[in-house]
């Protein structure tokens, strides 16, 4: 559980989202017992009112996953969402099942909006796998780019105080819904203050993507924490 003491934690823990890999983890838990056969195309069956993904060769070219990993991900995705798309409410339900003691709706929506970059109100397998590729197997720059976009909630190209506060508040609510509003606001303000200090952002100011990535790259703790996603994702895919 996150408490007020966590406000003193270093920048790398303050910046990196708590649950960017939660949806893939949930997919594997639900779908790992199903036998997976190798096939040239992900899905060749007729599709009525169902979103068909691109070919496995195309996904292999644009992501960092192997062909077998792509098939594993697709089988699990299709098992949960047979029509090939995920609505916001379904996405939020995944988070709610993993964080039963918190209110994860706001944070889940932030992640959903970050994946649904075409703003159509649903996430396809293509959306899912390209974003997860950045998180799970991307370069440091790809991961930092994804995190910046998550925090840039109004898509202005800058991260401002109110945006960081909103994301941080959503993260705390996701973990512990029992926090009282006054205590929650105090914790979040302290948390955001640490982020601003370590990123060298003037009080009340903002930071663009280039500055954000440059300052995060210079922090070895951030880089090391981002590398944790490699071993985490490898463990999920090797079943």
Foldseek 3Di string as FASTA:
>chain_A
DDDLVCLPPAQLVLQDADPLPQVVLLLLVVQVVDDFDDDFALDDDDADLADGDDGLVVLVVLFVDDSLLLSSSSRSQCVLPVRFKAALVRQLVSLCVVQVQFRQSQLSVLSVCLLPVVPPRIHGSVSVRNLVRLQQPNALLSNLVSSQSSLPSVPPQKHWLVSSLSNSLSRVRSNHVPDDPVSSSVSSVSNSVNNCVQLVNPVRGIGGSVSSSVSLVVDVVNNVVSCVSHVVVVVSSPD
